[in-house]
Structures are given as structure tokens and as C-alpha cells.
Amino acid sequence: MQYFKLKKTKKITNIEISILFGLITAILMSFFGCLKQTENLEKNVLRLHILANSNSKEDQSVKLKVRDEILKNFDFNTYNNDINKSKQKIRSELKEIEAVAKKTLEKEGFDDSVKASLEKTYFDTREYKNFSMPAGVYDALKIEIGNAKGKNWWCVMVPSMCVPAASEKQKAINTFNDGEKDLITKGNKTEIRFKSIEIFKNIFLLRR
């Protein structure tokens, strides 16, 4: 009788192990599928990244004025969301971008230097009101004001999400494929998945 109980217990344990293994496999497949989608997003998104001189009220305020002038004077989303053409346009206009930013600063009474560059930049998971962007290394137009030690401001330039209207942002979101669109608009579920990806990348991938 004791032998029968032990044998029965062992059989149940094996079933539980099989179920657990199946769950782990499913979770890993889902995770790496999500990771693949985030890598696709990194290739298809161009971001704007503005770093203020410091966290003083004045520096943070003028940072936003620089943002407004950059967005008003330059449109990098004129190629039907073609990232490569948009990057080419940015490279050709870096000096002009710096000039506009510098003029804005001077108008507000600031003499800070300005540096504009197009480079790969690591971003943690960031959230808008109606969507999230996963952690990763993205192409970004980076504008550094003065010491560039203050809190930064960012948005997605291509597709064009640097706009206040929710309807315009939704149009931009709709340019992503179905998998990417589902990935960035799943609310709390997205936040959990993106956090796990962020931890993974922080541990195993080099920040650039």
C-alpha cells in the first residue's frame, strides 16, 4: 500500500513538472516574441531628445521654448515615415537646427551653447497618455543645451507623435503594423512586458 502511494505521488509530480515546463516555455516564447517586436520598433522609430542645461525653473522653461521652435521650423516626417530619408534630412540640417535653438535661447536672454547630433541613444521605457515605448536603443535627434545636465524632454518624431492632438497621435500609431501597434497600446499588460524587457536589456545588453 505504501509503495502504491509513493508511486502515485511520483506520477502527480511528473505531471506538475510537465505543466510547469509548458508554462515556462510559453512565457519564454511570449517574452522573446515581444523582444523581437521591440527590436523592430527600434528600427522604425526616430526620436527627438532635448536635454536642458540644468533643472532650474528657467532652464527647464527655455528647453520647452527650444522644443517648440524646432518642431515649428523642421518637419522630418515628410517621407511617408521613411526613417532613412528622415535621418538624411536631419544630418543635412544639423547646423540649421543648432542655429534655430541658439537664436531661441538668445531671444530669451540665455547664452548657453547648443549641440545637435543624430545618434543612437538608449531610452528606458517611456509612456505617453495612450501608448508606451519600450526600452531600447533608438536613432534620435539629440539637442544638448549648455551642460545638458537637466531633465530631458523627448517625443517620437517619426512617425509624427510630437503633436498635442490625440487624433494626430492615433494616426501615427496606426502607421505601425498590427503587432507593433498591439505591443505599445496594451495598457498595464504592456507596462509589465516592457519592464521585463527593460530589465533584460539592462542586464544582458550594453547601453550605447
C-alpha atoms as a PDB file:
ATOM      1  CA  MET A   1       0.000   0.000   0.000  1.00  0.00           C
ATOM      2  CA  GLN A   2       2.809   2.395   0.878  1.00  0.00           C
ATOM      3  CA  TYR A   3       4.514   1.582  -2.420  1.00  0.00           C
ATOM      4  CA  PHE A   4       1.305   2.442  -4.295  1.00  0.00           C
ATOM      5  CA  LYS A   5       1.053   5.836  -2.568  1.00  0.00           C
ATOM      6  CA  LEU A   6       4.656   6.681  -3.362  1.00  0.00           C
ATOM      7  CA  LYS A   7       4.247   5.667  -6.958  1.00  0.00           C
ATOM      8  CA  LYS A   8       1.035   7.702  -7.268  1.00  0.00           C
ATOM      9  CA  THR A   9       2.706  10.754  -5.721  1.00  0.00           C
ATOM     10  CA  LYS A  10       5.594  10.493  -8.136  1.00  0.00           C
ATOM     11  CA  LYS A  11       3.178  10.319 -11.073  1.00  0.00           C
ATOM     12  CA  ILE A  12       1.397  13.518  -9.989  1.00  0.00           C
ATOM     13  CA  THR A  13       4.722  15.274  -9.513  1.00  0.00           C
ATOM     14  CA  ASN A  14       5.763  14.403 -13.039  1.00  0.00           C
ATOM     15  CA  ILE A  15       2.534  15.831 -14.391  1.00  0.00           C
ATOM     16  CA  GLU A  16       3.065  19.018 -12.429  1.00  0.00           C
ATOM     17  CA  ILE A  17       6.617  19.303 -13.740  1.00  0.00           C
ATOM     18  CA  SER A  18       5.357  18.872 -17.295  1.00  0.00           C
ATOM     19  CA  ILE A  19       2.742  21.580 -16.787  1.00  0.00           C
ATOM     20  CA  LEU A  20       5.305  23.889 -15.232  1.00  0.00           C
ATOM     21  CA  PHE A  21       7.725  23.252 -18.088  1.00  0.00           C
ATOM     22  CA  GLY A  22       4.954  24.021 -20.575  1.00  0.00           C
ATOM     23  CA  LEU A  23       4.113  27.272 -18.802  1.00  0.00           C
ATOM     24  CA  ILE A  24       7.744  28.349 -18.690  1.00  0.00           C
ATOM     25  CA  THR A  25       8.135  27.549 -22.377  1.00  0.00           C
ATOM     26  CA  ALA A  26       5.024  29.570 -23.233  1.00  0.00           C
ATOM     27  CA  ILE A  27       6.220  32.517 -21.137  1.00  0.00           C
ATOM     28  CA  LEU A  28       9.663  32.462 -22.770  1.00  0.00           C
ATOM     29  CA  MET A  29       8.173  32.265 -26.256  1.00  0.00           C
ATOM     30  CA  SER A  30       5.909  35.207 -25.464  1.00  0.00           C
ATOM     31  CA  PHE A  31       8.806  37.172 -23.973  1.00  0.00           C
ATOM     32  CA  PHE A  32      11.169  36.640 -26.896  1.00  0.00           C
ATOM     33  CA  GLY A  33       8.358  37.338 -29.340  1.00  0.00           C
ATOM     34  CA  CYS A  34       7.771  40.637 -27.553  1.00  0.00           C
ATOM     35  CA  LEU A  35      11.519  41.313 -27.557  1.00  0.00           C
ATOM     36  CA  LYS A  36      11.606  40.786 -31.331  1.00  0.00           C
ATOM     37  CA  GLN A  37       8.768  43.259 -31.788  1.00  0.00           C
ATOM     38  CA  THR A  38      10.569  45.876 -29.691  1.00  0.00           C
ATOM     39  CA  GLU A  39      13.658  45.437 -31.862  1.00  0.00           C
ATOM     40  CA  ASN A  40      11.510  46.124 -34.917  1.00  0.00           C
ATOM     41  CA  LEU A  41      10.192  49.273 -33.244  1.00  0.00           C
ATOM     42  CA  GLU A  42      13.736  50.471 -32.607  1.00  0.00           C
ATOM     43  CA  LYS A  43      14.411  50.283 -36.360  1.00  0.00           C
ATOM     44  CA  ASN A  44      11.207  52.095 -37.345  1.00  0.00           C
ATOM     45  CA  VAL A  45      11.143  54.974 -34.857  1.00  0.00           C
ATOM     46  CA  LEU A  46      13.056  58.251 -34.839  1.00  0.00           C
ATOM     47  CA  ARG A  47      13.028  60.235 -31.607  1.00  0.00           C
ATOM     48  CA  LEU A  48      13.648  63.828 -30.551  1.00  0.00           C
ATOM     49  CA  HIS A  49      15.680  64.205 -27.352  1.00  0.00           C
ATOM     50  CA  ILE A  50      16.287  67.625 -25.788  1.00  0.00           C
ATOM     51  CA  LEU A  51      18.473  67.987 -22.698  1.00  0.00           C
ATOM     52  CA  ALA A  52      18.213  71.157 -20.617  1.00  0.00           C
ATOM     53  CA  ASN A  53      21.253  72.897 -19.176  1.00  0.00           C
ATOM     54  CA  SER A  54      20.068  72.185 -15.614  1.00  0.00           C
ATOM     55  CA  ASN A  55      16.953  71.509 -13.582  1.00  0.00           C
ATOM     56  CA  SER A  56      16.412  75.147 -12.686  1.00  0.00           C
ATOM     57  CA  LYS A  57      12.967  76.522 -13.481  1.00  0.00           C
ATOM     58  CA  GLU A  58      14.450  78.891 -16.057  1.00  0.00           C
ATOM     59  CA  ASP A  59      16.477  76.215 -17.850  1.00  0.00           C
ATOM     60  CA  GLN A  60      13.554  73.837 -17.941  1.00  0.00           C
ATOM     61  CA  SER A  61      11.272  76.538 -19.291  1.00  0.00           C
ATOM     62  CA  VAL A  62      13.610  77.608 -22.095  1.00  0.00           C
ATOM     63  CA  LYS A  63      14.146  73.969 -23.030  1.00  0.00           C
ATOM     64  CA  LEU A  64      10.451  73.815 -23.960  1.00  0.00           C
ATOM     65  CA  LYS A  65      10.734  77.011 -25.997  1.00  0.00           C
ATOM     66  CA  VAL A  66      13.592  75.422 -27.932  1.00  0.00           C
ATOM     67  CA  ARG A  67      11.407  72.362 -28.455  1.00  0.00           C
ATOM     68  CA  ASP A  68       8.559  74.469 -29.824  1.00  0.00           C
ATOM     69  CA  GLU A  69      10.819  76.286 -32.289  1.00  0.00           C
ATOM     70  CA  ILE A  70      12.423  73.075 -33.515  1.00  0.00           C
ATOM     71  CA  LEU A  71       9.043  71.460 -34.120  1.00  0.00           C
ATOM     72  CA  LYS A  72       7.733  74.602 -35.806  1.00  0.00           C
ATOM     73  CA  ASN A  73      10.682  75.077 -38.150  1.00  0.00           C
ATOM     74  CA  PHE A  74      11.587  71.498 -39.083  1.00  0.00           C
ATOM     75  CA  ASP A  75       9.466  68.646 -40.390  1.00  0.00           C
ATOM     76  CA  PHE A  76      11.340  65.374 -40.631  1.00  0.00           C
ATOM     77  CA  ASN A  77       8.273  63.259 -41.292  1.00  0.00           C
ATOM     78  CA  THR A  78       7.823  64.248 -44.947  1.00  0.00           C
ATOM     79  CA  TYR A  79       8.882  60.935 -46.469  1.00  0.00           C
ATOM     80  CA  ASN A  80       5.927  58.701 -45.628  1.00  0.00           C
ATOM     81  CA  ASN A  81       7.672  57.531 -42.437  1.00  0.00           C
ATOM     82  CA  ASP A  82      10.852  56.568 -44.279  1.00  0.00           C
ATOM     83  CA  ILE A  83      13.355  56.522 -41.407  1.00  0.00           C
ATOM     84  CA  ASN A  84      16.459  56.523 -43.593  1.00  0.00           C
ATOM     85  CA  LYS A  85      15.380  59.569 -45.615  1.00  0.00           C
ATOM     86  CA  SER A  86      14.382  61.370 -42.429  1.00  0.00           C
ATOM     87  CA  LYS A  87      17.817  60.713 -40.950  1.00  0.00           C
ATOM     88  CA  GLN A  88      19.485  62.011 -44.107  1.00  0.00           C
ATOM     89  CA  LYS A  89      17.455  65.212 -43.841  1.00  0.00           C
ATOM     90  CA  ILE A  90      18.435  65.664 -40.196  1.00  0.00           C
ATOM     91  CA  ARG A  91      22.129  65.190 -40.961  1.00  0.00           C
ATOM     92  CA  SER A  92      21.952  67.841 -43.656  1.00  0.00           C
ATOM     93  CA  GLU A  93      20.266  70.332 -41.329  1.00  0.00           C
ATOM     94  CA  LEU A  94      22.109  69.893 -38.031  1.00  0.00           C
ATOM     95  CA  LYS A  95      23.754  73.318 -38.276  1.00  0.00           C
ATOM     96  CA  GLU A  96      20.416  74.945 -39.043  1.00  0.00           C
ATOM     97  CA  ILE A  97      18.840  73.164 -36.091  1.00  0.00           C
ATOM     98  CA  GLU A  98      21.590  74.458 -33.828  1.00  0.00           C
ATOM     99  CA  ALA A  99      21.112  77.973 -35.212  1.00  0.00           C
ATOM    100  CA  VAL A 100      17.364  77.958 -34.518  1.00  0.00           C
ATOM    101  CA  ALA A 101      17.917  76.652 -30.990  1.00  0.00           C
ATOM    102  CA  LYS A 102      20.665  79.205 -30.341  1.00  0.00           C
ATOM    103  CA  LYS A 103      18.518  82.061 -31.624  1.00  0.00           C
ATOM    104  CA  THR A 104      15.688  80.959 -29.340  1.00  0.00           C
ATOM    105  CA  LEU A 105      17.999  80.914 -26.337  1.00  0.00           C
ATOM    106  CA  GLU A 106      19.389  84.345 -27.133  1.00  0.00           C
ATOM    107  CA  LYS A 107      15.897  85.766 -27.544  1.00  0.00           C
ATOM    108  CA  GLU A 108      15.132  84.567 -24.016  1.00  0.00           C
ATOM    109  CA  GLY A 109      18.350  86.010 -22.624  1.00  0.00           C
ATOM    110  CA  PHE A 110      20.446  82.834 -22.460  1.00  0.00           C
ATOM    111  CA  ASP A 111      23.962  82.444 -23.832  1.00  0.00           C
ATOM    112  CA  ASP A 112      24.197  78.639 -23.495  1.00  0.00           C
ATOM    113  CA  SER A 113      25.867  76.635 -26.231  1.00  0.00           C
ATOM    114  CA  VAL A 114      23.825  74.227 -28.341  1.00  0.00           C
ATOM    115  CA  LYS A 115      24.888  70.948 -29.886  1.00  0.00           C
ATOM    116  CA  ALA A 116      22.661  68.996 -32.273  1.00  0.00           C
ATOM    117  CA  SER A 117      23.528  65.454 -33.317  1.00  0.00           C
ATOM    118  CA  LEU A 118      21.945  62.358 -34.736  1.00  0.00           C
ATOM    119  CA  GLU A 119      22.977  59.332 -32.723  1.00  0.00           C
ATOM    120  CA  LYS A 120      21.939  56.058 -31.210  1.00  0.00           C
ATOM    121  CA  THR A 121      20.533  56.728 -27.743  1.00  0.00           C
ATOM    122  CA  TYR A 122      19.386  54.352 -25.037  1.00  0.00           C
ATOM    123  CA  PHE A 123      15.932  55.125 -23.604  1.00  0.00           C
ATOM    124  CA  ASP A 124      14.243  53.476 -20.651  1.00  0.00           C
ATOM    125  CA  THR A 125      10.569  52.567 -21.049  1.00  0.00           C
ATOM    126  CA  ARG A 126       8.664  55.820 -21.614  1.00  0.00           C
ATOM    127  CA  GLU A 127       4.928  56.456 -21.537  1.00  0.00           C
ATOM    128  CA  TYR A 128       2.526  58.767 -23.288  1.00  0.00           C
ATOM    129  CA  LYS A 129      -1.128  59.007 -22.229  1.00  0.00           C
ATOM    130  CA  ASN A 130      -2.357  56.424 -24.706  1.00  0.00           C
ATOM    131  CA  PHE A 131       0.702  54.348 -25.518  1.00  0.00           C
ATOM    132  CA  SER A 132       4.137  53.295 -24.273  1.00  0.00           C
ATOM    133  CA  MET A 133       7.505  52.935 -25.936  1.00  0.00           C
ATOM    134  CA  PRO A 134       9.755  50.053 -24.831  1.00  0.00           C
ATOM    135  CA  ALA A 135      13.288  50.460 -23.556  1.00  0.00           C
ATOM    136  CA  GLY A 136      15.906  50.207 -26.256  1.00  0.00           C
ATOM    137  CA  VAL A 137      18.467  51.926 -28.440  1.00  0.00           C
ATOM    138  CA  TYR A 138      16.836  54.318 -30.898  1.00  0.00           C
ATOM    139  CA  ASP A 139      18.013  56.784 -33.522  1.00  0.00           C
ATOM    140  CA  ALA A 140      17.458  60.228 -32.039  1.00  0.00           C
ATOM    141  CA  LEU A 141      17.951  63.868 -32.904  1.00  0.00           C
ATOM    142  CA  LYS A 142      19.745  64.916 -29.716  1.00  0.00           C
ATOM    143  CA  ILE A 143      19.838  68.587 -28.762  1.00  0.00           C
ATOM    144  CA  GLU A 144      22.096  69.439 -25.836  1.00  0.00           C
ATOM    145  CA  ILE A 145      21.687  72.840 -24.237  1.00  0.00           C
ATOM    146  CA  GLY A 146      24.656  74.135 -22.226  1.00  0.00           C
ATOM    147  CA  ASN A 147      25.862  71.479 -19.792  1.00  0.00           C
ATOM    148  CA  ALA A 148      22.938  69.203 -20.729  1.00  0.00           C
ATOM    149  CA  LYS A 149      22.615  68.104 -17.087  1.00  0.00           C
ATOM    150  CA  GLY A 150      18.921  68.856 -16.640  1.00  0.00           C
ATOM    151  CA  LYS A 151      15.845  66.724 -17.124  1.00  0.00           C
ATOM    152  CA  ASN A 152      15.272  65.845 -20.745  1.00  0.00           C
ATOM    153  CA  TRP A 153      12.238  66.101 -22.985  1.00  0.00           C
ATOM    154  CA  TRP A 154      11.537  63.551 -25.662  1.00  0.00           C
ATOM    155  CA  CYS A 155       8.974  62.538 -28.218  1.00  0.00           C
ATOM    156  CA  VAL A 156       8.646  60.329 -31.281  1.00  0.00           C
ATOM    157  CA  MET A 157       9.343  62.363 -34.421  1.00  0.00           C
ATOM    158  CA  VAL A 158       8.842  59.610 -36.992  1.00  0.00           C
ATOM    159  CA  PRO A 159       6.106  58.548 -37.117  1.00  0.00           C
ATOM    160  CA  SER A 160       4.945  62.009 -36.039  1.00  0.00           C
ATOM    161  CA  MET A 161       3.806  61.931 -32.405  1.00  0.00           C
ATOM    162  CA  CYS A 162       5.280  65.291 -31.355  1.00  0.00           C
ATOM    163  CA  VAL A 163       1.811  66.789 -31.591  1.00  0.00           C
ATOM    164  CA  PRO A 164      -0.704  67.716 -28.880  1.00  0.00           C
ATOM    165  CA  ALA A 165      -3.794  66.353 -30.616  1.00  0.00           C
ATOM    166  CA  ALA A 166      -4.684  62.813 -29.577  1.00  0.00           C
ATOM    167  CA  SER A 167      -6.246  62.190 -33.003  1.00  0.00           C
ATOM    168  CA  GLU A 168      -2.954  63.001 -34.724  1.00  0.00           C
ATOM    169  CA  LYS A 169      -1.039  60.713 -32.397  1.00  0.00           C
ATOM    170  CA  GLN A 170      -3.512  57.945 -33.154  1.00  0.00           C
ATOM    171  CA  LYS A 171      -2.890  58.426 -36.880  1.00  0.00           C
ATOM    172  CA  ALA A 172       0.811  57.978 -36.199  1.00  0.00           C
ATOM    173  CA  ILE A 173       0.184  54.859 -34.119  1.00  0.00           C
ATOM    174  CA  ASN A 174      -1.873  53.426 -36.970  1.00  0.00           C
ATOM    175  CA  THR A 175       1.186  53.545 -39.239  1.00  0.00           C
ATOM    176  CA  PHE A 176       2.755  50.712 -37.217  1.00  0.00           C
ATOM    177  CA  ASN A 177       1.995  47.143 -38.219  1.00  0.00           C
ATOM    178  CA  ASP A 178      -0.624  45.276 -36.182  1.00  0.00           C
ATOM    179  CA  GLY A 179       1.920  43.521 -33.972  1.00  0.00           C
ATOM    180  CA  GLU A 180       3.767  46.743 -33.121  1.00  0.00           C
ATOM    181  CA  LYS A 181       0.524  48.649 -32.565  1.00  0.00           C
ATOM    182  CA  ASP A 182      -0.817  45.999 -30.195  1.00  0.00           C
ATOM    183  CA  LEU A 183       2.504  45.976 -28.396  1.00  0.00           C
ATOM    184  CA  ILE A 184       2.552  49.671 -27.497  1.00  0.00           C
ATOM    185  CA  THR A 185      -1.146  50.148 -26.643  1.00  0.00           C
ATOM    186  CA  LYS A 186      -1.938  47.324 -24.234  1.00  0.00           C
ATOM    187  CA  GLY A 187      -2.079  49.372 -21.017  1.00  0.00           C
ATOM    188  CA  ASN A 188      -0.976  47.591 -17.841  1.00  0.00           C
ATOM    189  CA  LYS A 189      -0.120  44.446 -19.772  1.00  0.00           C
ATOM    190  CA  THR A 190       2.271  46.448 -21.924  1.00  0.00           C
ATOM    191  CA  GLU A 191       3.880  48.067 -18.871  1.00  0.00           C
ATOM    192  CA  ILE A 192       4.626  44.664 -17.333  1.00  0.00           C
ATOM    193  CA  ARG A 193       6.084  43.265 -20.550  1.00  0.00           C
ATOM    194  CA  PHE A 194       8.140  46.360 -21.219  1.00  0.00           C
ATOM    195  CA  LYS A 195       9.507  46.363 -17.683  1.00  0.00           C
ATOM    196  CA  SER A 196      10.673  42.772 -18.055  1.00  0.00           C
ATOM    197  CA  ILE A 197      12.334  43.665 -21.370  1.00  0.00           C
ATOM    198  CA  GLU A 198      13.967  46.708 -19.806  1.00  0.00           C
ATOM    199  CA  ILE A 199      15.430  44.569 -17.012  1.00  0.00           C
ATOM    200  CA  PHE A 200      16.639  42.025 -19.572  1.00  0.00           C
ATOM    201  CA  LYS A 201      18.341  44.669 -21.690  1.00  0.00           C
ATOM    202  CA  ASN A 202      19.902  46.358 -18.683  1.00  0.00           C
ATOM    203  CA  ILE A 203      21.425  43.047 -17.603  1.00  0.00           C
ATOM    204  CA  PHE A 204      22.470  41.479 -20.894  1.00  0.00           C
ATOM    205  CA  LEU A 205      22.828  44.262 -23.421  1.00  0.00           C
ATOM    206  CA  LEU A 206      25.331  47.097 -23.484  1.00  0.00           C
ATOM    207  CA  ARG A 207      23.851  50.587 -23.302  1.00  0.00           C
ATOM    208  CA  ARG A 208      25.130  52.811 -26.060  1.00  0.00           C
END
